Each structure stands twice: as C-alpha cells, then as structure tokens.
C-alpha cells in the first residue's frame, strides 16, 4: 500500500473513532488496529490542528496505567467537563 494513502486512511480512522468514543491511545489502537506508535503520532498532528483533545487522565481500561482519554467530539468534551464541575 502507498505510504501516503496508508497515513491518510489511518488518520481518518483514528479521527472518526474518536468523534464517537472517548479512549486512550491503547484503546484506540485495539479498536482500530492502527499500531499504537502511529496513533500517538497522529494524536499529536490532530492536537496541533485543534481537532483532538485530552479529556481526562485516569487508568486505561486496557493497561491499567494512568493515561489521557482522548476525544475529537466537542460535545463529548463539553459534557465531560460539565460532569466534572469544570
């Protein structure tokens, strides 16, 4: 597969997944089958474009380690911040 096409496909996959889900990079990787190192790289690209946000830091459901939960959905971010009294 062409690397440029693969990158675009993986980036879109991650972005679309995070529009409907709040998850850690590990959880995104497991759900989308995009390698975790790629998820982390695309995470940064999306953050710099203002399209992805760190919602809250808590234990990952997969690893059990403290990690940032991510979202690309402004409605989920607003709801979460309201629920936490922020």
PDB file of N, CA and C in Angstrom:
ATOM      1  N   UNK A   1       0.853  -1.191   0.000  1.00  0.00           N
ATOM      2  CA  UNK A   1       0.000   0.000   0.000  1.00  0.00           C
ATOM      3  C   UNK A   1       0.888   1.240   0.000  1.00  0.00           C
ATOM      4  N   UNK A   2       0.478   2.242  -0.722  1.00  0.00           N
ATOM      5  CA  UNK A   2       1.189   3.511  -0.778  1.00  0.00           C
ATOM      6  C   UNK A   2       1.209   4.136   0.620  1.00  0.00           C
ATOM      7  N   UNK A   3       2.392   4.570   1.071  1.00  0.00           N
ATOM      8  CA  UNK A   3       2.521   5.112   2.438  1.00  0.00           C
ATOM      9  C   UNK A   3       1.630   6.331   2.660  1.00  0.00           C
ATOM     10  N   UNK A   4       1.500   7.200   1.656  1.00  0.00           N
ATOM     11  CA  UNK A   4       0.655   8.395   1.802  1.00  0.00           C
ATOM     12  C   UNK A   4      -0.811   8.002   1.978  1.00  0.00           C
ATOM     13  N   UNK A   5      -1.246   7.007   1.230  1.00  0.00           N
ATOM     14  CA  UNK A   5      -2.629   6.538   1.351  1.00  0.00           C
ATOM     15  C   UNK A   5      -2.835   5.876   2.709  1.00  0.00           C
ATOM     16  N   UNK A   6      -1.870   5.065   3.128  1.00  0.00           N
ATOM     17  CA  UNK A   6      -1.962   4.396   4.424  1.00  0.00           C
ATOM     18  C   UNK A   6      -2.062   5.418   5.554  1.00  0.00           C
ATOM     19  N   UNK A   7      -1.229   6.476   5.499  1.00  0.00           N
ATOM     20  CA  UNK A   7      -1.248   7.507   6.529  1.00  0.00           C
ATOM     21  C   UNK A   7      -2.613   8.192   6.574  1.00  0.00           C
ATOM     22  N   UNK A   8      -3.136   8.567   5.407  1.00  0.00           N
ATOM     23  CA  UNK A   8      -4.431   9.241   5.350  1.00  0.00           C
ATOM     24  C   UNK A   8      -5.527   8.336   5.894  1.00  0.00           C
ATOM     25  N   UNK A   9      -5.499   7.077   5.527  1.00  0.00           N
ATOM     26  CA  UNK A   9      -6.513   6.129   5.984  1.00  0.00           C
ATOM     27  C   UNK A   9      -6.437   5.939   7.492  1.00  0.00           C
ATOM     28  N   UNK A  10      -5.235   5.761   8.034  1.00  0.00           N
ATOM     29  CA  UNK A  10      -5.083   5.588   9.481  1.00  0.00           C
ATOM     30  C   UNK A  10      -5.518   6.843  10.227  1.00  0.00           C
ATOM     31  N   UNK A  11      -5.133   7.997   9.741  1.00  0.00           N
ATOM     32  CA  UNK A  11      -5.507   9.259  10.384  1.00  0.00           C
ATOM     33  C   UNK A  11      -7.024   9.423  10.404  1.00  0.00           C
ATOM     34  N   UNK A  12      -7.673   9.167   9.277  1.00  0.00           N
ATOM     35  CA  UNK A  12      -9.136   9.271   9.213  1.00  0.00           C
ATOM     36  C   UNK A  12      -9.801   8.252  10.132  1.00  0.00           C
ATOM     37  N   UNK A  13      -9.261   7.055  10.171  1.00  0.00           N
ATOM     38  CA  UNK A  13      -9.809   6.007  11.035  1.00  0.00           C
ATOM     39  C   UNK A  13      -9.779   6.440  12.495  1.00  0.00           C
ATOM     40  N   UNK A  14      -8.639   6.955  12.930  1.00  0.00           N
ATOM     41  CA  UNK A  14      -8.484   7.410  14.317  1.00  0.00           C
ATOM     42  C   UNK A  14      -9.421   8.574  14.606  1.00  0.00           C
ATOM     43  N   UNK A  15      -9.444   9.555  13.718  1.00  0.00           N
ATOM     44  CA  UNK A  15     -10.282  10.736  13.917  1.00  0.00           C
ATOM     45  C   UNK A  15     -11.756  10.342  14.009  1.00  0.00           C
ATOM     46  N   UNK A  16     -12.226   9.506  13.092  1.00  0.00           N
ATOM     47  CA  UNK A  16     -13.636   9.096  13.115  1.00  0.00           C
ATOM     48  C   UNK A  16     -13.961   8.289  14.367  1.00  0.00           C
ATOM     49  N   UNK A  17     -13.054   7.430  14.790  1.00  0.00           N
ATOM     50  CA  UNK A  17     -13.281   6.654  16.008  1.00  0.00           C
ATOM     51  C   UNK A  17     -13.429   7.584  17.212  1.00  0.00           C
ATOM     52  N   UNK A  18     -12.566   8.599  17.289  1.00  0.00           N
ATOM     53  CA  UNK A  18     -12.588   9.498  18.450  1.00  0.00           C
ATOM     54  C   UNK A  18     -13.696  10.543  18.375  1.00  0.00           C
ATOM     55  N   UNK A  19     -14.394  10.637  17.273  1.00  0.00           N
ATOM     56  CA  UNK A  19     -15.573  11.504  17.222  1.00  0.00           C
ATOM     57  C   UNK A  19     -16.743  10.859  17.961  1.00  0.00           C
ATOM     58  N   UNK A  20     -16.713   9.528  18.070  1.00  0.00           N
ATOM     59  CA  UNK A  20     -17.812   8.807  18.701  1.00  0.00           C
ATOM     60  C   UNK A  20     -17.429   8.117  20.001  1.00  0.00           C
ATOM     61  N   UNK A  21     -16.144   8.168  20.353  1.00  0.00           N
ATOM     62  CA  UNK A  21     -15.661   7.470  21.538  1.00  0.00           C
ATOM     63  C   UNK A  21     -14.652   8.326  22.292  1.00  0.00           C
ATOM     64  N   UNK A  22     -14.556   8.098  23.574  1.00  0.00           N
ATOM     65  CA  UNK A  22     -13.502   8.692  24.389  1.00  0.00           C
ATOM     66  C   UNK A  22     -12.630   7.515  24.802  1.00  0.00           C
ATOM     67  N   UNK A  23     -11.345   7.566  24.448  1.00  0.00           N
ATOM     68  CA  UNK A  23     -10.480   6.414  24.668  1.00  0.00           C
ATOM     69  C   UNK A  23      -9.025   6.835  24.784  1.00  0.00           C
ATOM     70  N   UNK A  24      -8.224   5.947  25.372  1.00  0.00           N
ATOM     71  CA  UNK A  24      -6.776   6.165  25.421  1.00  0.00           C
ATOM     72  C   UNK A  24      -6.176   5.715  24.087  1.00  0.00           C
ATOM     73  N   UNK A  25      -4.918   6.069  23.861  1.00  0.00           N
ATOM     74  CA  UNK A  25      -4.244   5.659  22.630  1.00  0.00           C
ATOM     75  C   UNK A  25      -4.225   4.137  22.502  1.00  0.00           C
ATOM     76  N   UNK A  26      -4.017   3.438  23.611  1.00  0.00           N
ATOM     77  CA  UNK A  26      -4.017   1.972  23.577  1.00  0.00           C
ATOM     78  C   UNK A  26      -5.385   1.440  23.189  1.00  0.00           C
ATOM     79  N   UNK A  27      -6.431   2.017  23.748  1.00  0.00           N
ATOM     80  CA  UNK A  27      -7.792   1.592  23.425  1.00  0.00           C
ATOM     81  C   UNK A  27      -8.113   1.866  21.959  1.00  0.00           C
ATOM     82  N   UNK A  28      -7.664   3.012  21.443  1.00  0.00           N
ATOM     83  CA  UNK A  28      -7.874   3.352  20.032  1.00  0.00           C
ATOM     84  C   UNK A  28      -7.154   2.334  19.155  1.00  0.00           C
ATOM     85  N   UNK A  29      -5.926   2.019  19.512  1.00  0.00           N
ATOM     86  CA  UNK A  29      -5.141   1.060  18.743  1.00  0.00           C
ATOM     87  C   UNK A  29      -5.837  -0.303  18.692  1.00  0.00           C
ATOM     88  N   UNK A  30      -6.313  -0.770  19.816  1.00  0.00           N
ATOM     89  CA  UNK A  30      -7.006  -2.061  19.845  1.00  0.00           C
ATOM     90  C   UNK A  30      -8.290  -2.032  19.020  1.00  0.00           C
ATOM     91  N   UNK A  31      -9.037  -0.947  19.100  1.00  0.00           N
ATOM     92  CA  UNK A  31     -10.323  -0.864  18.401  1.00  0.00           C
ATOM     93  C   UNK A  31     -10.162  -0.688  16.896  1.00  0.00           C
ATOM     94  N   UNK A  32      -9.126   0.018  16.476  1.00  0.00           N
ATOM     95  CA  UNK A  32      -8.972   0.353  15.055  1.00  0.00           C
ATOM     96  C   UNK A  32      -7.927  -0.489  14.341  1.00  0.00           C
ATOM     97  N   UNK A  33      -7.096  -1.204  15.095  1.00  0.00           N
ATOM     98  CA  UNK A  33      -5.988  -1.985  14.541  1.00  0.00           C
ATOM     99  C   UNK A  33      -4.887  -1.121  13.936  1.00  0.00           C
ATOM    100  N   UNK A  34      -4.875   0.169  14.274  1.00  0.00           N
ATOM    101  CA  UNK A  34      -3.779   1.054  13.875  1.00  0.00           C
ATOM    102  C   UNK A  34      -2.702   0.899  14.951  1.00  0.00           C
ATOM    103  N   UNK A  35      -1.448   0.662  14.572  1.00  0.00           N
ATOM    104  CA  UNK A  35      -0.394   0.487  15.580  1.00  0.00           C
ATOM    105  C   UNK A  35      -0.339   1.665  16.553  1.00  0.00           C
ATOM    106  N   UNK A  36      -0.089   1.351  17.831  1.00  0.00           N
ATOM    107  CA  UNK A  36      -0.115   2.390  18.856  1.00  0.00           C
ATOM    108  C   UNK A  36       0.870   3.517  18.580  1.00  0.00           C
ATOM    109  N   UNK A  37       2.052   3.208  18.077  1.00  0.00           N
ATOM    110  CA  UNK A  37       3.011   4.270  17.770  1.00  0.00           C
ATOM    111  C   UNK A  37       2.450   5.226  16.732  1.00  0.00           C
ATOM    112  N   UNK A  38       1.700   4.709  15.776  1.00  0.00           N
ATOM    113  CA  UNK A  38       1.059   5.563  14.774  1.00  0.00           C
ATOM    114  C   UNK A  38      -0.041   6.397  15.409  1.00  0.00           C
ATOM    115  N   UNK A  39      -0.817   5.785  16.302  1.00  0.00           N
ATOM    116  CA  UNK A  39      -1.882   6.520  16.995  1.00  0.00           C
ATOM    117  C   UNK A  39      -1.285   7.718  17.723  1.00  0.00           C
ATOM    118  N   UNK A  40      -0.177   7.517  18.417  1.00  0.00           N
ATOM    119  CA  UNK A  40       0.460   8.606  19.167  1.00  0.00           C
ATOM    120  C   UNK A  40       0.934   9.724  18.230  1.00  0.00           C
ATOM    121  N   UNK A  41       1.483   9.345  17.094  1.00  0.00           N
ATOM    122  CA  UNK A  41       1.956  10.342  16.129  1.00  0.00           C
ATOM    123  C   UNK A  41       0.775  11.145  15.569  1.00  0.00           C
ATOM    124  N   UNK A  42      -0.289  10.432  15.167  1.00  0.00           N
ATOM    125  CA  UNK A  42      -1.463  11.118  14.620  1.00  0.00           C
ATOM    126  C   UNK A  42      -2.179  11.934  15.683  1.00  0.00           C
ATOM    127  N   UNK A  43      -2.138  11.469  16.921  1.00  0.00           N
ATOM    128  CA  UNK A  43      -2.726  12.217  18.043  1.00  0.00           C
ATOM    129  C   UNK A  43      -2.120  13.612  18.092  1.00  0.00           C
ATOM    130  N   UNK A  44      -0.814  13.674  18.021  1.00  0.00           N
ATOM    131  CA  UNK A  44      -0.132  14.977  18.077  1.00  0.00           C
ATOM    132  C   UNK A  44      -0.512  15.847  16.884  1.00  0.00           C
ATOM    133  N   UNK A  45      -0.561  15.270  15.700  1.00  0.00           N
ATOM    134  CA  UNK A  45      -0.953  16.021  14.499  1.00  0.00           C
ATOM    135  C   UNK A  45      -2.353  16.606  14.668  1.00  0.00           C
ATOM    136  N   UNK A  46      -3.280  15.797  15.165  1.00  0.00           N
ATOM    137  CA  UNK A  46      -4.659  16.266  15.354  1.00  0.00           C
ATOM    138  C   UNK A  46      -4.751  17.324  16.446  1.00  0.00           C
ATOM    139  N   UNK A  47      -3.961  17.170  17.515  1.00  0.00           N
ATOM    140  CA  UNK A  47      -3.946  18.178  18.585  1.00  0.00           C
ATOM    141  C   UNK A  47      -3.457  19.519  18.056  1.00  0.00           C
ATOM    142  N   UNK A  48      -2.395  19.504  17.261  1.00  0.00           N
ATOM    143  CA  UNK A  48      -1.844  20.751  16.713  1.00  0.00           C
ATOM    144  C   UNK A  48      -2.831  21.452  15.788  1.00  0.00           C
ATOM    145  N   UNK A  49      -3.712  20.692  15.154  1.00  0.00           N
ATOM    146  CA  UNK A  49      -4.736  21.270  14.278  1.00  0.00           C
ATOM    147  C   UNK A  49      -5.989  21.673  15.057  1.00  0.00           C
ATOM    148  N   UNK A  50      -5.989  21.432  16.363  1.00  0.00           N
ATOM    149  CA  UNK A  50      -7.140  21.779  17.201  1.00  0.00           C
ATOM    150  C   UNK A  50      -8.318  20.842  17.015  1.00  0.00           C
ATOM    151  N   UNK A  51      -8.049  19.601  16.570  1.00  0.00           N
ATOM    152  CA  UNK A  51      -9.127  18.652  16.287  1.00  0.00           C
ATOM    153  C   UNK A  51      -9.250  17.536  17.311  1.00  0.00           C
ATOM    154  N   UNK A  52      -8.314  17.479  18.262  1.00  0.00           N
ATOM    155  CA  UNK A  52      -8.304  16.398  19.240  1.00  0.00           C
ATOM    156  C   UNK A  52      -7.936  16.958  20.602  1.00  0.00           C
ATOM    157  N   UNK A  53      -8.584  16.439  21.632  1.00  0.00           N
ATOM    158  CA  UNK A  53      -8.376  16.971  22.967  1.00  0.00           C
ATOM    159  C   UNK A  53      -8.154  15.853  23.979  1.00  0.00           C
ATOM    160  N   UNK A  54      -7.327  16.142  24.963  1.00  0.00           N
ATOM    161  CA  UNK A  54      -7.182  15.259  26.111  1.00  0.00           C
ATOM    162  C   UNK A  54      -8.314  15.610  27.066  1.00  0.00           C
ATOM    163  N   UNK A  55      -9.150  14.636  27.375  1.00  0.00           N
ATOM    164  CA  UNK A  55     -10.359  14.887  28.159  1.00  0.00           C
ATOM    165  C   UNK A  55     -10.103  14.736  29.646  1.00  0.00           C
ATOM    166  N   UNK A  56      -9.557  13.610  30.040  1.00  0.00           N
ATOM    167  CA  UNK A  56      -9.265  13.389  31.451  1.00  0.00           C
ATOM    168  C   UNK A  56      -8.197  12.306  31.577  1.00  0.00           C
ATOM    169  N   UNK A  57      -7.475  12.348  32.676  1.00  0.00           N
ATOM    170  CA  UNK A  57      -6.436  11.358  32.921  1.00  0.00           C
ATOM    171  C   UNK A  57      -6.917  10.412  34.010  1.00  0.00           C
ATOM    172  N   UNK A  58      -6.960   9.127  33.664  1.00  0.00           N
ATOM    173  CA  UNK A  58      -7.378   8.099  34.619  1.00  0.00           C
ATOM    174  C   UNK A  58      -6.843   6.764  34.112  1.00  0.00           C
ATOM    175  N   UNK A  59      -6.962   5.706  34.895  1.00  0.00           N
ATOM    176  CA  UNK A  59      -6.436   4.412  34.453  1.00  0.00           C
ATOM    177  C   UNK A  59      -7.063   3.936  33.140  1.00  0.00           C
ATOM    178  N   UNK A  60      -6.216   3.483  32.246  1.00  0.00           N
ATOM    179  CA  UNK A  60      -6.652   2.923  30.964  1.00  0.00           C
ATOM    180  C   UNK A  60      -7.369   1.605  31.223  1.00  0.00           C
ATOM    181  N   UNK A  61      -8.454   1.370  30.517  1.00  0.00           N
ATOM    182  CA  UNK A  61      -9.219   0.130  30.686  1.00  0.00           C
ATOM    183  C   UNK A  61      -8.464  -1.088  30.161  1.00  0.00           C
ATOM    184  N   UNK A  62      -7.456  -0.862  29.322  1.00  0.00           N
ATOM    185  CA  UNK A  62      -6.683  -1.974  28.769  1.00  0.00           C
ATOM    186  C   UNK A  62      -5.433  -2.248  29.593  1.00  0.00           C
ATOM    187  N   UNK A  63      -4.648  -1.204  29.863  1.00  0.00           N
ATOM    188  CA  UNK A  63      -3.357  -1.394  30.531  1.00  0.00           C
ATOM    189  C   UNK A  63      -3.420  -1.250  32.044  1.00  0.00           C
ATOM    190  N   UNK A  64      -4.398  -0.490  32.530  1.00  0.00           N
ATOM    191  CA  UNK A  64      -4.486  -0.228  33.960  1.00  0.00           C
ATOM    192  C   UNK A  64      -3.612   0.927  34.415  1.00  0.00           C
ATOM    193  N   UNK A  65      -2.765   1.433  33.508  1.00  0.00           N
ATOM    194  CA  UNK A  65      -1.895   2.557  33.834  1.00  0.00           C
ATOM    195  C   UNK A  65      -2.609   3.878  33.581  1.00  0.00           C
ATOM    196  N   UNK A  66      -2.228   4.905  34.315  1.00  0.00           N
ATOM    197  CA  UNK A  66      -2.797   6.229  34.140  1.00  0.00           C
ATOM    198  C   UNK A  66      -2.476   6.750  32.745  1.00  0.00           C
ATOM    199  N   UNK A  67      -3.506   7.216  32.036  1.00  0.00           N
ATOM    200  CA  UNK A  67      -3.326   7.701  30.664  1.00  0.00           C
ATOM    201  C   UNK A  67      -4.408   8.727  30.349  1.00  0.00           C
ATOM    202  N   UNK A  68      -4.145   9.541  29.346  1.00  0.00           N
ATOM    203  CA  UNK A  68      -5.118  10.532  28.910  1.00  0.00           C
ATOM    204  C   UNK A  68      -6.179   9.890  28.031  1.00  0.00           C
ATOM    205  N   UNK A  69      -7.428  10.171  28.329  1.00  0.00           N
ATOM    206  CA  UNK A  69      -8.528   9.778  27.462  1.00  0.00           C
ATOM    207  C   UNK A  69      -8.719  10.904  26.453  1.00  0.00           C
ATOM    208  N   UNK A  70      -8.900  10.523  25.191  1.00  0.00           N
ATOM    209  CA  UNK A  70      -8.929  11.458  24.082  1.00  0.00           C
ATOM    210  C   UNK A  70     -10.305  11.513  23.442  1.00  0.00           C
ATOM    211  N   UNK A  71     -10.614  12.667  22.832  1.00  0.00           N
ATOM    212  CA  UNK A  71     -11.846  12.805  22.068  1.00  0.00           C
ATOM    213  C   UNK A  71     -11.662  13.843  20.970  1.00  0.00           C
ATOM    214  N   UNK A  72     -12.367  13.625  19.864  1.00  0.00           N
ATOM    215  CA  UNK A  72     -12.390  14.591  18.772  1.00  0.00           C
ATOM    216  C   UNK A  72     -13.792  15.179  18.639  1.00  0.00           C
ATOM    217  N   UNK A  73     -14.629  14.946  19.636  1.00  0.00           N
ATOM    218  CA  UNK A  73     -16.013  15.409  19.612  1.00  0.00           C
ATOM    219  C   UNK A  73     -16.206  16.486  20.669  1.00  0.00           C
ATOM    220  N   UNK A  74     -16.428  17.708  20.224  1.00  0.00           N
ATOM    221  CA  UNK A  74     -16.585  18.835  21.149  1.00  0.00           C
ATOM    222  C   UNK A  74     -17.746  18.614  22.117  1.00  0.00           C
ATOM    223  N   UNK A  75     -18.806  17.939  21.680  1.00  0.00           N
ATOM    224  CA  UNK A  75     -19.947  17.683  22.562  1.00  0.00           C
ATOM    225  C   UNK A  75     -19.559  16.747  23.706  1.00  0.00           C
ATOM    226  N   UNK A  76     -18.738  15.753  23.423  1.00  0.00           N
ATOM    227  CA  UNK A  76     -18.286  14.844  24.481  1.00  0.00           C
ATOM    228  C   UNK A  76     -17.365  15.564  25.457  1.00  0.00           C
ATOM    229  N   UNK A  77     -16.558  16.467  24.932  1.00  0.00           N
ATOM    230  CA  UNK A  77     -15.632  17.226  25.789  1.00  0.00           C
ATOM    231  C   UNK A  77     -16.425  18.134  26.707  1.00  0.00           C
ATOM    232  N   UNK A  78     -17.398  18.841  26.177  1.00  0.00           N
ATOM    233  CA  UNK A  78     -18.223  19.755  26.964  1.00  0.00           C
ATOM    234  C   UNK A  78     -18.995  18.979  28.027  1.00  0.00           C
ATOM    235  N   UNK A  79     -19.587  17.838  27.658  1.00  0.00           N
ATOM    236  CA  UNK A  79     -20.350  17.031  28.605  1.00  0.00           C
ATOM    237  C   UNK A  79     -19.436  16.549  29.728  1.00  0.00           C
ATOM    238  N   UNK A  80     -18.267  16.069  29.393  1.00  0.00           N
ATOM    239  CA  UNK A  80     -17.344  15.554  30.400  1.00  0.00           C
ATOM    240  C   UNK A  80     -16.912  16.676  31.347  1.00  0.00           C
ATOM    241  N   UNK A  81     -16.585  17.830  30.825  1.00  0.00           N
ATOM    242  CA  UNK A  81     -16.160  18.942  31.666  1.00  0.00           C
ATOM    243  C   UNK A  81     -17.307  19.413  32.559  1.00  0.00           C
ATOM    244  N   UNK A  82     -18.528  19.370  32.059  1.00  0.00           N
ATOM    245  CA  UNK A  82     -19.683  19.750  32.863  1.00  0.00           C
ATOM    246  C   UNK A  82     -19.906  18.733  33.972  1.00  0.00           C
ATOM    247  N   UNK A  83     -19.779  17.447  33.643  1.00  0.00           N
ATOM    248  CA  UNK A  83     -19.988  16.384  34.625  1.00  0.00           C
ATOM    249  C   UNK A  83     -18.962  16.470  35.746  1.00  0.00           C
ATOM    250  N   UNK A  84     -17.752  16.922  35.441  1.00  0.00           N
ATOM    251  CA  UNK A  84     -16.702  17.008  36.435  1.00  0.00           C
ATOM    252  C   UNK A  84     -16.683  18.348  37.164  1.00  0.00           C
ATOM    253  N   UNK A  85     -17.616  19.219  36.840  1.00  0.00           N
ATOM    254  CA  UNK A  85     -17.701  20.514  37.508  1.00  0.00           C
ATOM    255  C   UNK A  85     -16.630  21.492  37.066  1.00  0.00           C
ATOM    256  N   UNK A  86     -16.053  21.282  35.910  1.00  0.00           N
ATOM    257  CA  UNK A  86     -15.007  22.186  35.409  1.00  0.00           C
ATOM    258  C   UNK A  86     -15.605  23.364  34.688  1.00  0.00           C
TER     259      UNK A  86
END
